[in-house]
Amino acid sequence: MQLADGVSRIEIEGVGIEVAVRGTGKPLLFLHPEIGIDPAAPVLAHLAKKAQVIAPSHPGFGHSELPRAMNSVEDLSYFYLDFLDALDLKDAILVGASLGGWIAAAIAVKSTARFSHLVLAASVGIKAGDREHRDIADIFATTEPQFAELAYFDPAAAKRDLTALPEAELVTIARNREATARFAWSPYMHDPKLKGRLHRIRIPSLVLWGASDRIAAADYGRALAGALPGARFELIERAGHYPHLEQPEQFARKILAFTGLAESAP
């Protein structure tokens, strides 16, 4: 299956999903966080300077279909294994942000045959602390302003007037939130078995973290990196839980440098 540059709709094992494609060259599969992905996001353009960026909307998110039987991150990981086979991606870079990082890790513990590198950015998915310690802030128990304070270095960057948004955009926001609850509500934002399986990932791995992340603090990221064989951990300053949004150019430069597509990191 060939993908054209731009935004298109494809079918994977009977499931229709929306996919944004930018650039040419080595494939880079970008798995978005719980807030979804804007096909016009600057980070995709920055990454596309050196790679072919493939950014699907997960089943249930954006304008992608959601099969009734799909209700876990494990289900999403197997869906993406089918996606990789359908597109016959080879030697690809796998990048996941937050929820997308959890999905990426769940894919990689099953198989890294189609990947050269793994990048997890502010990834959820593991239990780092003990049973009395909350690793990840409860995003379902916060108001929108409270969420912005936790998720962004500059909360003003997330400010929006929901009453002024077009209905189609409101539907997308609601679908993203509903799908996040479906896939990550219980256990909350993690798989108790995932951390013990990360040793199976034996490709070069980079864990990127916003220095001002208050959804999941940098120590959570360090614990994640520590569970990945030989993983590198790097902070991105002036960024919170979505460094790909607040610092898109620096985010892209770090990935391109790590994967050998650029000469040096910032």
C-alpha atoms as a PDB file:
ATOM      1  CA  MET A   1       0.000   0.000   0.000  1.00  0.00           C
ATOM      2  CA  GLN A   2       1.396   3.378  -1.028  1.00  0.00           C
ATOM      3  CA  LEU A   3       0.608   6.606   0.843  1.00  0.00           C
ATOM      4  CA  ALA A   4       0.446   9.961  -0.924  1.00  0.00           C
ATOM      5  CA  ASP A   5       1.723  13.156   0.658  1.00  0.00           C
ATOM      6  CA  GLY A   6      -1.099  14.933   2.493  1.00  0.00           C
ATOM      7  CA  VAL A   7      -4.048  13.605   4.496  1.00  0.00           C
ATOM      8  CA  SER A   8      -5.813  10.485   3.295  1.00  0.00           C
ATOM      9  CA  ARG A   9      -8.077   7.737   4.548  1.00  0.00           C
ATOM     10  CA  ILE A  10      -6.958   4.126   4.375  1.00  0.00           C
ATOM     11  CA  GLU A  11      -8.411   0.828   5.541  1.00  0.00           C
ATOM     12  CA  ILE A  12      -6.497  -1.629   7.713  1.00  0.00           C
ATOM     13  CA  GLU A  13      -8.204  -4.976   8.252  1.00  0.00           C
ATOM     14  CA  GLY A  14     -11.604  -3.362   7.754  1.00  0.00           C
ATOM     15  CA  VAL A  15     -10.892  -0.322   9.958  1.00  0.00           C
ATOM     16  CA  GLY A  16     -10.875   3.070   8.218  1.00  0.00           C
ATOM     17  CA  ILE A  17      -8.350   5.529   9.631  1.00  0.00           C
ATOM     18  CA  GLU A  18      -7.068   8.986   8.773  1.00  0.00           C
ATOM     19  CA  VAL A  19      -3.350   9.287   8.021  1.00  0.00           C
ATOM     20  CA  ALA A  20      -1.232  12.415   7.492  1.00  0.00           C
ATOM     21  CA  VAL A  21       1.952  11.981   5.442  1.00  0.00           C
ATOM     22  CA  ARG A  22       4.706  14.593   5.099  1.00  0.00           C
ATOM     23  CA  GLY A  23       8.091  14.457   3.379  1.00  0.00           C
ATOM     24  CA  THR A  24      10.133  11.709   1.770  1.00  0.00           C
ATOM     25  CA  GLY A  25      12.915   9.367   2.792  1.00  0.00           C
ATOM     26  CA  LYS A  26      13.303   7.048   5.756  1.00  0.00           C
ATOM     27  CA  PRO A  27       9.866   6.286   7.236  1.00  0.00           C
ATOM     28  CA  LEU A  28       9.012   7.728  10.642  1.00  0.00           C
ATOM     29  CA  LEU A  29       5.800   6.527  12.277  1.00  0.00           C
ATOM     30  CA  PHE A  30       4.503   9.185  14.694  1.00  0.00           C
ATOM     31  CA  LEU A  31       1.939   7.943  17.232  1.00  0.00           C
ATOM     32  CA  HIS A  32       0.085  10.853  18.768  1.00  0.00           C
ATOM     33  CA  PRO A  33      -0.854  11.515  22.414  1.00  0.00           C
ATOM     34  CA  GLU A  34      -4.311  11.465  23.972  1.00  0.00           C
ATOM     35  CA  ILE A  35      -5.106  14.955  22.638  1.00  0.00           C
ATOM     36  CA  GLY A  36      -4.830  13.752  19.047  1.00  0.00           C
ATOM     37  CA  ILE A  37      -2.792  15.132  16.172  1.00  0.00           C
ATOM     38  CA  ASP A  38      -3.236  18.131  13.900  1.00  0.00           C
ATOM     39  CA  PRO A  39      -1.988  17.211  10.393  1.00  0.00           C
ATOM     40  CA  ALA A  40      -0.667  20.771  10.142  1.00  0.00           C
ATOM     41  CA  ALA A  41       1.328  20.566  13.406  1.00  0.00           C
ATOM     42  CA  PRO A  42       4.756  22.209  12.970  1.00  0.00           C
ATOM     43  CA  VAL A  43       6.529  19.188  14.476  1.00  0.00           C
ATOM     44  CA  LEU A  44       5.525  17.066  11.491  1.00  0.00           C
ATOM     45  CA  ALA A  45       6.992  19.602   9.084  1.00  0.00           C
ATOM     46  CA  HIS A  46      10.254  19.739  11.060  1.00  0.00           C
ATOM     47  CA  LEU A  47      10.572  15.950  11.096  1.00  0.00           C
ATOM     48  CA  ALA A  48       9.653  15.794   7.391  1.00  0.00           C
ATOM     49  CA  LYS A  49      12.775  17.767   6.475  1.00  0.00           C
ATOM     50  CA  LYS A  50      14.730  14.504   6.798  1.00  0.00           C
ATOM     51  CA  ALA A  51      12.142  11.695   6.835  1.00  0.00           C
ATOM     52  CA  GLN A  52       8.809  10.539   5.498  1.00  0.00           C
ATOM     53  CA  VAL A  53       6.525  11.211   8.451  1.00  0.00           C
ATOM     54  CA  ILE A  54       3.470   8.975   8.740  1.00  0.00           C
ATOM     55  CA  ALA A  55       1.055  10.212  11.414  1.00  0.00           C
ATOM     56  CA  PRO A  56      -2.176   8.205  11.725  1.00  0.00           C
ATOM     57  CA  SER A  57      -5.062   9.042  14.018  1.00  0.00           C
ATOM     58  CA  HIS A  58      -5.539   6.051  16.293  1.00  0.00           C
ATOM     59  CA  PRO A  59      -8.794   4.108  16.011  1.00  0.00           C
ATOM     60  CA  GLY A  60     -11.452   6.107  17.864  1.00  0.00           C
ATOM     61  CA  PHE A  61      -9.500   9.374  17.640  1.00  0.00           C
ATOM     62  CA  GLY A  62      -9.898  12.216  15.166  1.00  0.00           C
ATOM     63  CA  HIS A  63     -11.832  10.897  12.185  1.00  0.00           C
ATOM     64  CA  SER A  64     -10.715   7.280  12.495  1.00  0.00           C
ATOM     65  CA  GLU A  65     -13.182   4.456  13.003  1.00  0.00           C
ATOM     66  CA  LEU A  66     -13.375   2.482  16.241  1.00  0.00           C
ATOM     67  CA  PRO A  67     -14.263  -1.219  16.105  1.00  0.00           C
ATOM     68  CA  ARG A  68     -16.565  -2.275  18.928  1.00  0.00           C
ATOM     69  CA  ALA A  69     -14.162  -4.994  20.081  1.00  0.00           C
ATOM     70  CA  MET A  70     -11.137  -2.678  20.347  1.00  0.00           C
ATOM     71  CA  ASN A  71     -10.820  -1.448  23.933  1.00  0.00           C
ATOM     72  CA  SER A  72      -7.210  -1.703  25.112  1.00  0.00           C
ATOM     73  CA  VAL A  73      -3.733  -0.487  24.253  1.00  0.00           C
ATOM     74  CA  GLU A  74      -2.887  -4.105  23.510  1.00  0.00           C
ATOM     75  CA  ASP A  75      -5.597  -4.043  20.831  1.00  0.00           C
ATOM     76  CA  LEU A  76      -4.094  -0.848  19.402  1.00  0.00           C
ATOM     77  CA  SER A  77      -0.614  -2.386  19.347  1.00  0.00           C
ATOM     78  CA  TYR A  78      -1.830  -5.348  17.291  1.00  0.00           C
ATOM     79  CA  PHE A  79      -3.711  -2.961  14.997  1.00  0.00           C
ATOM     80  CA  TYR A  80      -0.470  -1.110  14.324  1.00  0.00           C
ATOM     81  CA  LEU A  81       1.391  -4.344  13.642  1.00  0.00           C
ATOM     82  CA  ASP A  82      -1.203  -4.928  10.891  1.00  0.00           C
ATOM     83  CA  PHE A  83      -0.729  -1.291   9.792  1.00  0.00           C
ATOM     84  CA  LEU A  84       3.024  -1.825   9.464  1.00  0.00           C
ATOM     85  CA  ASP A  85       2.485  -4.984   7.428  1.00  0.00           C
ATOM     86  CA  ALA A  86      -0.070  -3.323   5.143  1.00  0.00           C
ATOM     87  CA  LEU A  87       2.309  -0.447   4.385  1.00  0.00           C
ATOM     88  CA  ASP A  88       5.315  -2.785   4.367  1.00  0.00           C
ATOM     89  CA  LEU A  89       7.325  -0.263   6.376  1.00  0.00           C
ATOM     90  CA  LYS A  90      10.967  -1.245   6.847  1.00  0.00           C
ATOM     91  CA  ASP A  91      13.831   0.230   8.888  1.00  0.00           C
ATOM     92  CA  ALA A  92      11.376   2.788  10.280  1.00  0.00           C
ATOM     93  CA  ILE A  93      11.732   5.166  13.215  1.00  0.00           C
ATOM     94  CA  LEU A  94       8.963   4.659  15.785  1.00  0.00           C
ATOM     95  CA  VAL A  95       8.038   7.790  17.741  1.00  0.00           C
ATOM     96  CA  GLY A  96       5.294   7.876  20.359  1.00  0.00           C
ATOM     97  CA  ALA A  97       4.127  10.761  22.549  1.00  0.00           C
ATOM     98  CA  SER A  98       2.340  10.181  25.885  1.00  0.00           C
ATOM     99  CA  LEU A  99      -0.435   7.665  25.112  1.00  0.00           C
ATOM    100  CA  GLY A 100       1.232   7.164  21.731  1.00  0.00           C
ATOM    101  CA  GLY A 101       4.443   6.282  23.562  1.00  0.00           C
ATOM    102  CA  TRP A 102       2.626   3.602  25.519  1.00  0.00           C
ATOM    103  CA  ILE A 103       1.281   2.196  22.250  1.00  0.00           C
ATOM    104  CA  ALA A 104       4.762   2.361  20.699  1.00  0.00           C
ATOM    105  CA  ALA A 105       6.295   0.455  23.609  1.00  0.00           C
ATOM    106  CA  ALA A 106       3.512  -2.144  23.444  1.00  0.00           C
ATOM    107  CA  ILE A 107       4.302  -2.643  19.741  1.00  0.00           C
ATOM    108  CA  ALA A 108       8.063  -2.825  20.276  1.00  0.00           C
ATOM    109  CA  VAL A 109       7.938  -5.488  23.005  1.00  0.00           C
ATOM    110  CA  LYS A 110       6.176  -7.715  20.468  1.00  0.00           C
ATOM    111  CA  SER A 111       8.411  -6.987  17.489  1.00  0.00           C
ATOM    112  CA  THR A 112      11.043  -4.492  16.404  1.00  0.00           C
ATOM    113  CA  ALA A 113      11.653  -6.212  13.073  1.00  0.00           C
ATOM    114  CA  ARG A 114      10.428  -3.200  11.087  1.00  0.00           C
ATOM    115  CA  PHE A 115      12.126  -0.534  13.227  1.00  0.00           C
ATOM    116  CA  SER A 116      15.614   0.942  13.464  1.00  0.00           C
ATOM    117  CA  HIS A 117      15.004   3.286  16.426  1.00  0.00           C
ATOM    118  CA  LEU A 118      12.435   3.935  19.158  1.00  0.00           C
ATOM    119  CA  VAL A 119      11.663   7.366  20.621  1.00  0.00           C
ATOM    120  CA  LEU A 120       9.309   7.729  23.589  1.00  0.00           C
ATOM    121  CA  ALA A 121       8.303  11.302  24.433  1.00  0.00           C
ATOM    122  CA  ALA A 122       6.660  11.901  27.824  1.00  0.00           C
ATOM    123  CA  SER A 123       5.378   8.357  27.464  1.00  0.00           C
ATOM    124  CA  VAL A 124       2.921   6.881  29.921  1.00  0.00           C
ATOM    125  CA  GLY A 125       2.370   3.122  30.166  1.00  0.00           C
ATOM    126  CA  ILE A 126       4.324   1.810  33.153  1.00  0.00           C
ATOM    127  CA  LYS A 127       3.988   1.855  36.938  1.00  0.00           C
ATOM    128  CA  ALA A 128       7.165   3.471  38.199  1.00  0.00           C
ATOM    129  CA  GLY A 129       6.423   4.020  41.896  1.00  0.00           C
ATOM    130  CA  ASP A 130       4.840   1.881  44.615  1.00  0.00           C
ATOM    131  CA  ARG A 131       1.110   1.299  45.033  1.00  0.00           C
ATOM    132  CA  GLU A 132       0.759   4.343  47.300  1.00  0.00           C
ATOM    133  CA  HIS A 133       2.417   6.714  44.842  1.00  0.00           C
ATOM    134  CA  ARG A 134       0.602   8.371  41.933  1.00  0.00           C
ATOM    135  CA  ASP A 135       2.922   8.418  38.935  1.00  0.00           C
ATOM    136  CA  ILE A 136       0.607  10.195  36.500  1.00  0.00           C
ATOM    137  CA  ALA A 137      -1.789  13.045  37.247  1.00  0.00           C
ATOM    138  CA  ASP A 138      -5.477  12.228  36.859  1.00  0.00           C
ATOM    139  CA  ILE A 139      -6.403  14.153  33.720  1.00  0.00           C
ATOM    140  CA  PHE A 140     -10.048  13.150  34.066  1.00  0.00           C
ATOM    141  CA  ALA A 141     -10.365  14.880  37.438  1.00  0.00           C
ATOM    142  CA  THR A 142      -9.109  18.277  36.261  1.00  0.00           C
ATOM    143  CA  THR A 143     -10.768  21.269  34.683  1.00  0.00           C
ATOM    144  CA  GLU A 144      -9.397  22.550  31.396  1.00  0.00           C
ATOM    145  CA  PRO A 145      -7.412  25.380  33.070  1.00  0.00           C
ATOM    146  CA  GLN A 146      -6.024  22.929  35.639  1.00  0.00           C
ATOM    147  CA  PHE A 147      -5.015  20.532  32.877  1.00  0.00           C
ATOM    148  CA  ALA A 148      -3.192  23.323  31.038  1.00  0.00           C
ATOM    149  CA  GLU A 149      -1.253  24.159  34.222  1.00  0.00           C
ATOM    150  CA  LEU A 150      -0.153  20.542  34.561  1.00  0.00           C
ATOM    151  CA  ALA A 151       0.548  19.783  30.913  1.00  0.00           C
ATOM    152  CA  TYR A 152       2.250  22.893  29.562  1.00  0.00           C
ATOM    153  CA  PHE A 153       5.298  24.974  30.435  1.00  0.00           C
ATOM    154  CA  ASP A 154       3.231  27.928  29.204  1.00  0.00           C
ATOM    155  CA  PRO A 155      -0.431  27.216  30.035  1.00  0.00           C
ATOM    156  CA  ALA A 156      -1.470  30.100  27.792  1.00  0.00           C
ATOM    157  CA  ALA A 157      -0.438  27.945  24.834  1.00  0.00           C
ATOM    158  CA  ALA A 158      -3.384  25.650  25.556  1.00  0.00           C
ATOM    159  CA  LYS A 159      -5.972  28.354  26.109  1.00  0.00           C
ATOM    160  CA  ARG A 160      -9.030  28.041  23.876  1.00  0.00           C
ATOM    161  CA  ASP A 161     -12.630  29.150  23.880  1.00  0.00           C
ATOM    162  CA  LEU A 162     -14.641  25.982  23.447  1.00  0.00           C
ATOM    163  CA  THR A 163     -17.826  27.966  22.840  1.00  0.00           C
ATOM    164  CA  ALA A 164     -16.256  29.523  19.744  1.00  0.00           C
ATOM    165  CA  LEU A 165     -14.976  26.323  18.122  1.00  0.00           C
ATOM    166  CA  PRO A 166     -16.716  24.772  15.088  1.00  0.00           C
ATOM    167  CA  GLU A 167     -18.894  21.765  15.857  1.00  0.00           C
ATOM    168  CA  ALA A 168     -16.607  19.415  13.901  1.00  0.00           C
ATOM    169  CA  GLU A 169     -13.645  20.406  16.070  1.00  0.00           C
ATOM    170  CA  LEU A 170     -15.679  19.941  19.256  1.00  0.00           C
ATOM    171  CA  VAL A 171     -16.677  16.462  18.096  1.00  0.00           C
ATOM    172  CA  THR A 172     -13.004  15.604  17.542  1.00  0.00           C
ATOM    173  CA  ILE A 173     -12.074  16.853  21.030  1.00  0.00           C
ATOM    174  CA  ALA A 174     -14.890  14.785  22.551  1.00  0.00           C
ATOM    175  CA  ARG A 175     -13.933  11.674  20.551  1.00  0.00           C
ATOM    176  CA  ASN A 176     -10.296  11.989  21.645  1.00  0.00           C
ATOM    177  CA  ARG A 177     -11.284  12.269  25.294  1.00  0.00           C
ATOM    178  CA  GLU A 178     -13.769   9.403  25.071  1.00  0.00           C
ATOM    179  CA  ALA A 179     -11.247   7.152  23.305  1.00  0.00           C
ATOM    180  CA  THR A 180      -8.566   7.979  25.886  1.00  0.00           C
ATOM    181  CA  ALA A 181     -10.910   6.872  28.659  1.00  0.00           C
ATOM    182  CA  ARG A 182     -11.773   3.722  26.730  1.00  0.00           C
ATOM    183  CA  PHE A 183      -8.143   2.693  26.272  1.00  0.00           C
ATOM    184  CA  ALA A 184      -6.446   4.083  29.385  1.00  0.00           C
ATOM    185  CA  TRP A 185      -8.970   4.379  32.222  1.00  0.00           C
ATOM    186  CA  SER A 186      -8.379   1.132  34.080  1.00  0.00           C
ATOM    187  CA  PRO A 187      -5.652   0.534  35.056  1.00  0.00           C
ATOM    188  CA  TYR A 188      -5.107   4.261  34.757  1.00  0.00           C
ATOM    189  CA  MET A 189      -2.601   5.161  32.017  1.00  0.00           C
ATOM    190  CA  HIS A 190      -0.473   2.028  32.399  1.00  0.00           C
ATOM    191  CA  ASP A 191      -0.190  -1.705  31.871  1.00  0.00           C
ATOM    192  CA  PRO A 192       1.102  -3.439  35.034  1.00  0.00           C
ATOM    193  CA  LYS A 193       2.977  -5.964  32.868  1.00  0.00           C
ATOM    194  CA  LEU A 194       4.629  -3.577  30.419  1.00  0.00           C
ATOM    195  CA  LYS A 195       7.643  -2.518  32.505  1.00  0.00           C
ATOM    196  CA  GLY A 196       8.732  -6.141  32.924  1.00  0.00           C
ATOM    197  CA  ARG A 197       8.625  -6.637  29.157  1.00  0.00           C
ATOM    198  CA  LEU A 198      10.645  -3.610  28.087  1.00  0.00           C
ATOM    199  CA  HIS A 199      13.877  -5.645  28.207  1.00  0.00           C
ATOM    200  CA  ARG A 200      12.706  -7.226  24.951  1.00  0.00           C
ATOM    201  CA  ILE A 201      13.287  -3.925  23.100  1.00  0.00           C
ATOM    202  CA  ARG A 202      16.841  -4.152  21.791  1.00  0.00           C
ATOM    203  CA  ILE A 203      16.988  -1.302  19.295  1.00  0.00           C
ATOM    204  CA  PRO A 204      18.479   2.141  20.047  1.00  0.00           C
ATOM    205  CA  SER A 205      15.971   3.983  22.238  1.00  0.00           C
ATOM    206  CA  LEU A 206      15.605   7.617  23.272  1.00  0.00           C
ATOM    207  CA  VAL A 207      13.329   8.914  26.021  1.00  0.00           C
ATOM    208  CA  LEU A 208      12.512  12.619  25.665  1.00  0.00           C
ATOM    209  CA  TRP A 209      10.879  14.588  28.464  1.00  0.00           C
ATOM    210  CA  GLY A 210       9.640  18.114  28.992  1.00  0.00           C
ATOM    211  CA  ALA A 211      11.494  19.622  31.944  1.00  0.00           C
ATOM    212  CA  SER A 212       8.247  21.237  33.163  1.00  0.00           C
ATOM    213  CA  ASP A 213       6.021  18.170  32.786  1.00  0.00           C
ATOM    214  CA  ARG A 214       3.597  17.980  35.719  1.00  0.00           C
ATOM    215  CA  ILE A 215       1.445  15.213  34.249  1.00  0.00           C
ATOM    216  CA  ALA A 216       4.311  12.745  34.621  1.00  0.00           C
ATOM    217  CA  ALA A 217       7.471  14.173  36.178  1.00  0.00           C
ATOM    218  CA  ALA A 218      10.967  13.745  34.779  1.00  0.00           C
ATOM    219  CA  ASP A 219      11.770  11.039  37.362  1.00  0.00           C
ATOM    220  CA  TYR A 220       9.021   8.922  35.805  1.00  0.00           C
ATOM    221  CA  GLY A 221      10.781   9.347  32.466  1.00  0.00           C
ATOM    222  CA  ARG A 222      14.103   8.362  33.999  1.00  0.00           C
ATOM    223  CA  ALA A 223      12.493   5.200  35.415  1.00  0.00           C
ATOM    224  CA  LEU A 224      11.117   4.407  31.959  1.00  0.00           C
ATOM    225  CA  ALA A 225      14.536   4.925  30.365  1.00  0.00           C
ATOM    226  CA  GLY A 226      16.117   2.759  33.053  1.00  0.00           C
ATOM    227  CA  ALA A 227      13.863  -0.142  32.096  1.00  0.00           C
ATOM    228  CA  LEU A 228      14.839   0.086  28.408  1.00  0.00           C
ATOM    229  CA  PRO A 229      18.169  -1.574  27.580  1.00  0.00           C
ATOM    230  CA  GLY A 230      20.742   1.108  26.836  1.00  0.00           C
ATOM    231  CA  ALA A 231      18.178   3.892  26.461  1.00  0.00           C
ATOM    232  CA  ARG A 232      19.213   7.552  26.439  1.00  0.00           C
ATOM    233  CA  PHE A 233      17.231  10.100  28.481  1.00  0.00           C
ATOM    234  CA  GLU A 234      17.101  13.775  27.486  1.00  0.00           C
ATOM    235  CA  LEU A 235      15.193  16.765  28.836  1.00  0.00           C
ATOM    236  CA  ILE A 236      13.676  19.490  26.697  1.00  0.00           C
ATOM    237  CA  GLU A 237      13.605  22.837  28.454  1.00  0.00           C
ATOM    238  CA  ARG A 238      10.603  25.179  28.352  1.00  0.00           C
ATOM    239  CA  ALA A 239       8.276  22.272  27.623  1.00  0.00           C
ATOM    240  CA  GLY A 240       5.712  20.286  29.574  1.00  0.00           C
ATOM    241  CA  HIS A 241       3.949  17.021  28.775  1.00  0.00           C
ATOM    242  CA  TYR A 242       3.730  17.795  25.050  1.00  0.00           C
ATOM    243  CA  PRO A 243       7.256  18.878  24.054  1.00  0.00           C
ATOM    244  CA  HIS A 244       6.422  18.171  20.406  1.00  0.00           C
ATOM    245  CA  LEU A 245       3.927  21.058  20.607  1.00  0.00           C
ATOM    246  CA  GLU A 246       5.781  23.566  22.786  1.00  0.00           C
ATOM    247  CA  GLN A 247       9.261  22.993  21.325  1.00  0.00           C
ATOM    248  CA  PRO A 248       8.623  21.338  17.944  1.00  0.00           C
ATOM    249  CA  GLU A 249      11.896  22.340  16.289  1.00  0.00           C
ATOM    250  CA  GLN A 250      14.087  21.237  19.194  1.00  0.00           C
ATOM    251  CA  PHE A 251      12.018  18.056  19.561  1.00  0.00           C
ATOM    252  CA  ALA A 252      12.541  17.198  15.886  1.00  0.00           C
ATOM    253  CA  ARG A 253      16.255  18.051  15.961  1.00  0.00           C
ATOM    254  CA  LYS A 254      16.860  15.704  18.866  1.00  0.00           C
ATOM    255  CA  ILE A 255      15.107  12.847  17.090  1.00  0.00           C
ATOM    256  CA  LEU A 256      16.843  13.436  13.766  1.00  0.00           C
ATOM    257  CA  ALA A 257      20.228  13.620  15.480  1.00  0.00           C
ATOM    258  CA  PHE A 258      19.619  10.487  17.524  1.00  0.00           C
ATOM    259  CA  THR A 259      18.598   8.498  14.458  1.00  0.00           C
ATOM    260  CA  GLY A 260      21.498   9.697  12.335  1.00  0.00           C
ATOM    261  CA  LEU A 261      19.380  11.834  10.023  1.00  0.00           C
ATOM    262  CA  ALA A 262      21.023  15.037  11.250  1.00  0.00           C
ATOM    263  CA  GLU A 263      24.595  15.681  12.281  1.00  0.00           C
ATOM    264  CA  SER A 264      24.123  16.889  15.853  1.00  0.00           C
ATOM    265  CA  ALA A 265      21.565  17.593  18.529  1.00  0.00           C
ATOM    266  CA  PRO A 266      20.950  21.152  19.757  1.00  0.00           C
END
